[in-house]
Amino acid sequence: MTKITYEIVKHDGGWAYRANGTYSETFASHDAARGAAERVAREQMAVGESALISYEDSEGHWHKEVSPGNDRPAVKVRG
């Protein structure tokens, strides 16, 4: 099972969540960034239909793949 940890960090004059070296958009407060990370974590853990996903790796390259609806990662938020 894949494990993902979102860290809440200062970023670009505000706050963001970061996973594997990739940052989210910037939020005005720590609480707003944490709330967004928790929302994303809940969505990622929800079982659903298989879907085509795209993501950016730590080197800035974009990838597309099919994510099976029953293969959900273990996600936690830290910070």
N, C-alpha and C. Protein backbone atom coordinates (compact mmCIF):
# COMPACT_ATOMS: atom_id res chain seq x y z
N MET A 1 0.85 -1.18 0.00
CA MET A 1 0.00 0.00 0.00
C MET A 1 0.89 1.24 0.00
N THR A 2 0.52 2.18 -0.81
CA THR A 2 1.24 3.44 -0.88
C THR A 2 0.93 4.27 0.36
N LYS A 3 1.94 4.97 0.88
CA LYS A 3 1.76 5.85 2.03
C LYS A 3 2.13 7.27 1.61
N ILE A 4 1.29 8.22 1.94
CA ILE A 4 1.52 9.61 1.62
C ILE A 4 1.41 10.44 2.90
N THR A 5 2.37 11.33 3.12
CA THR A 5 2.30 12.26 4.25
C THR A 5 2.32 13.67 3.70
N TYR A 6 1.32 14.44 4.07
CA TYR A 6 1.28 15.86 3.73
C TYR A 6 1.83 16.63 4.92
N GLU A 7 2.85 17.44 4.69
CA GLU A 7 3.41 18.29 5.72
C GLU A 7 2.91 19.71 5.52
N ILE A 8 2.52 20.38 6.59
CA ILE A 8 2.12 21.78 6.53
C ILE A 8 3.39 22.60 6.75
N VAL A 9 3.72 23.46 5.79
CA VAL A 9 4.97 24.22 5.83
C VAL A 9 4.75 25.66 5.38
N LYS A 10 5.65 26.55 5.83
CA LYS A 10 5.65 27.92 5.32
C LYS A 10 6.12 27.87 3.87
N HIS A 11 5.44 28.65 3.01
CA HIS A 11 5.78 28.62 1.59
C HIS A 11 5.29 29.87 0.90
N ASP A 12 6.17 30.53 0.18
CA ASP A 12 5.82 31.64 -0.71
C ASP A 12 5.00 32.72 0.00
N GLY A 13 5.42 33.10 1.21
CA GLY A 13 4.75 34.15 1.95
C GLY A 13 3.50 33.72 2.70
N GLY A 14 3.22 32.44 2.73
CA GLY A 14 2.04 31.93 3.43
C GLY A 14 2.30 30.52 3.90
N TRP A 15 1.30 29.66 3.74
CA TRP A 15 1.38 28.27 4.17
C TRP A 15 0.92 27.36 3.04
N ALA A 16 1.48 26.16 3.00
CA ALA A 16 1.11 25.17 1.98
C ALA A 16 1.22 23.79 2.58
N TYR A 17 0.70 22.80 1.86
CA TYR A 17 0.99 21.42 2.23
C TYR A 17 1.93 20.86 1.17
N ARG A 18 2.82 19.96 1.59
CA ARG A 18 3.85 19.43 0.71
C ARG A 18 3.89 17.92 0.84
N ALA A 19 4.04 17.25 -0.30
CA ALA A 19 4.22 15.80 -0.32
C ALA A 19 5.25 15.47 -1.39
N ASN A 20 6.24 14.70 -1.01
CA ASN A 20 7.29 14.26 -1.95
C ASN A 20 7.92 15.43 -2.70
N GLY A 21 8.13 16.56 -2.02
CA GLY A 21 8.80 17.70 -2.62
C GLY A 21 7.91 18.60 -3.46
N THR A 22 6.64 18.28 -3.57
CA THR A 22 5.71 19.09 -4.37
C THR A 22 4.79 19.86 -3.43
N TYR A 23 4.65 21.17 -3.70
CA TYR A 23 3.85 22.06 -2.87
C TYR A 23 2.46 22.28 -3.45
N SER A 24 1.52 22.50 -2.57
CA SER A 24 0.18 22.92 -2.97
C SER A 24 0.21 24.41 -3.28
N GLU A 25 -0.95 24.96 -3.60
CA GLU A 25 -1.06 26.40 -3.69
C GLU A 25 -0.81 26.99 -2.30
N THR A 26 -0.57 28.28 -2.24
CA THR A 26 -0.31 28.96 -0.97
C THR A 26 -1.63 29.38 -0.32
N PHE A 27 -1.70 29.19 1.00
CA PHE A 27 -2.86 29.58 1.79
C PHE A 27 -2.44 30.68 2.76
N ALA A 28 -3.40 31.50 3.17
CA ALA A 28 -3.11 32.63 4.04
C ALA A 28 -2.75 32.22 5.47
N SER A 29 -3.23 31.06 5.91
CA SER A 29 -2.97 30.64 7.29
C SER A 29 -2.61 29.16 7.36
N HIS A 30 -1.99 28.80 8.47
CA HIS A 30 -1.67 27.41 8.75
C HIS A 30 -2.94 26.57 8.78
N ASP A 31 -3.97 27.08 9.45
CA ASP A 31 -5.23 26.34 9.57
C ASP A 31 -5.87 26.09 8.21
N ALA A 32 -5.80 27.08 7.31
CA ALA A 32 -6.38 26.90 5.97
C ALA A 32 -5.61 25.83 5.19
N ALA A 33 -4.28 25.84 5.29
CA ALA A 33 -3.47 24.83 4.59
C ALA A 33 -3.74 23.44 5.17
N ARG A 34 -3.83 23.35 6.49
CA ARG A 34 -4.11 22.06 7.11
C ARG A 34 -5.49 21.54 6.72
N GLY A 35 -6.49 22.43 6.71
CA GLY A 35 -7.83 22.03 6.30
C GLY A 35 -7.86 21.51 4.88
N ALA A 36 -7.13 22.17 3.99
CA ALA A 36 -7.07 21.72 2.59
C ALA A 36 -6.38 20.36 2.50
N ALA A 37 -5.29 20.18 3.24
CA ALA A 37 -4.57 18.90 3.22
C ALA A 37 -5.44 17.77 3.77
N GLU A 38 -6.19 18.04 4.83
CA GLU A 38 -7.08 17.02 5.40
C GLU A 38 -8.19 16.67 4.42
N ARG A 39 -8.71 17.65 3.70
CA ARG A 39 -9.75 17.40 2.69
C ARG A 39 -9.19 16.53 1.57
N VAL A 40 -7.99 16.85 1.09
CA VAL A 40 -7.35 16.06 0.03
C VAL A 40 -7.10 14.63 0.53
N ALA A 41 -6.65 14.50 1.77
CA ALA A 41 -6.39 13.16 2.33
C ALA A 41 -7.66 12.32 2.37
N ARG A 42 -8.76 12.92 2.81
CA ARG A 42 -10.04 12.18 2.85
C ARG A 42 -10.45 11.73 1.45
N GLU A 43 -10.30 12.63 0.48
CA GLU A 43 -10.67 12.29 -0.90
C GLU A 43 -9.80 11.17 -1.44
N GLN A 44 -8.51 11.18 -1.13
CA GLN A 44 -7.62 10.14 -1.64
C GLN A 44 -7.90 8.78 -1.03
N MET A 45 -8.40 8.74 0.20
CA MET A 45 -8.65 7.47 0.86
C MET A 45 -10.02 6.89 0.53
N ALA A 46 -10.88 7.68 -0.09
CA ALA A 46 -12.24 7.22 -0.40
C ALA A 46 -12.23 6.21 -1.54
N VAL A 47 -12.85 5.06 -1.31
CA VAL A 47 -12.98 4.05 -2.35
C VAL A 47 -13.98 4.55 -3.38
N GLY A 48 -13.68 4.31 -4.64
CA GLY A 48 -14.58 4.77 -5.69
C GLY A 48 -14.31 4.03 -6.98
N GLU A 49 -14.61 4.66 -8.08
CA GLU A 49 -14.39 4.06 -9.38
C GLU A 49 -12.94 4.29 -9.82
N SER A 50 -12.47 3.43 -10.70
CA SER A 50 -11.14 3.64 -11.28
C SER A 50 -11.16 4.95 -12.06
N ALA A 51 -10.02 5.66 -12.06
CA ALA A 51 -9.98 6.97 -12.71
C ALA A 51 -8.60 7.23 -13.30
N LEU A 52 -8.58 8.02 -14.33
CA LEU A 52 -7.32 8.50 -14.90
C LEU A 52 -6.86 9.67 -14.05
N ILE A 53 -5.62 9.61 -13.56
CA ILE A 53 -5.08 10.69 -12.75
C ILE A 53 -3.82 11.25 -13.40
N SER A 54 -3.50 12.48 -13.06
CA SER A 54 -2.24 13.08 -13.50
C SER A 54 -1.58 13.69 -12.27
N TYR A 55 -0.25 13.66 -12.24
CA TYR A 55 0.48 14.21 -11.11
C TYR A 55 1.86 14.67 -11.57
N GLU A 56 2.42 15.60 -10.79
CA GLU A 56 3.75 16.14 -11.07
C GLU A 56 4.74 15.54 -10.09
N ASP A 57 5.86 15.04 -10.59
CA ASP A 57 6.88 14.49 -9.70
C ASP A 57 7.81 15.59 -9.20
N SER A 58 8.75 15.23 -8.33
CA SER A 58 9.63 16.22 -7.71
C SER A 58 10.56 16.91 -8.70
N GLU A 59 10.69 16.36 -9.90
CA GLU A 59 11.53 16.98 -10.93
C GLU A 59 10.71 17.83 -11.91
N GLY A 60 9.42 17.97 -11.63
CA GLY A 60 8.57 18.81 -12.46
C GLY A 60 7.98 18.13 -13.68
N HIS A 61 8.09 16.80 -13.77
CA HIS A 61 7.53 16.07 -14.91
C HIS A 61 6.12 15.59 -14.57
N TRP A 62 5.23 15.70 -15.53
CA TRP A 62 3.84 15.27 -15.34
C TRP A 62 3.66 13.84 -15.84
N HIS A 63 2.85 13.08 -15.12
CA HIS A 63 2.58 11.68 -15.45
C HIS A 63 1.07 11.46 -15.44
N LYS A 64 0.62 10.51 -16.25
CA LYS A 64 -0.79 10.08 -16.25
C LYS A 64 -0.81 8.58 -16.03
N GLU A 65 -1.78 8.13 -15.23
CA GLU A 65 -1.95 6.70 -15.01
C GLU A 65 -3.37 6.42 -14.55
N VAL A 66 -3.75 5.17 -14.61
CA VAL A 66 -5.07 4.75 -14.13
C VAL A 66 -4.92 4.35 -12.66
N SER A 67 -5.78 4.91 -11.84
CA SER A 67 -5.80 4.58 -10.42
C SER A 67 -7.01 3.69 -10.15
N PRO A 68 -6.78 2.41 -9.77
CA PRO A 68 -7.91 1.54 -9.47
C PRO A 68 -8.73 2.08 -8.30
N GLY A 69 -10.02 1.99 -8.38
CA GLY A 69 -10.91 2.55 -7.36
C GLY A 69 -10.81 1.91 -5.99
N ASN A 70 -10.22 0.72 -5.92
CA ASN A 70 -10.11 0.04 -4.63
C ASN A 70 -8.69 0.03 -4.08
N ASP A 71 -7.77 0.70 -4.73
CA ASP A 71 -6.36 0.73 -4.31
C ASP A 71 -6.04 2.11 -3.76
N ARG A 72 -6.45 2.38 -2.54
CA ARG A 72 -6.31 3.69 -1.94
C ARG A 72 -5.05 3.76 -1.07
N PRO A 73 -4.37 4.89 -1.07
CA PRO A 73 -3.18 5.04 -0.22
C PRO A 73 -3.55 5.28 1.25
N ALA A 74 -2.58 5.05 2.11
CA ALA A 74 -2.70 5.46 3.51
C ALA A 74 -2.16 6.88 3.56
N VAL A 75 -2.98 7.81 4.02
CA VAL A 75 -2.61 9.23 3.98
C VAL A 75 -2.68 9.81 5.39
N LYS A 76 -1.66 10.64 5.73
CA LYS A 76 -1.73 11.36 7.00
C LYS A 76 -1.25 12.78 6.77
N VAL A 77 -1.66 13.67 7.66
CA VAL A 77 -1.28 15.08 7.62
C VAL A 77 -0.46 15.37 8.86
N ARG A 78 0.68 16.03 8.65
CA ARG A 78 1.58 16.34 9.78
C ARG A 78 1.86 17.84 9.78
N GLY A 79 1.83 18.42 10.96
CA GLY A 79 2.20 19.84 11.09
C GLY A 79 1.03 20.73 11.40
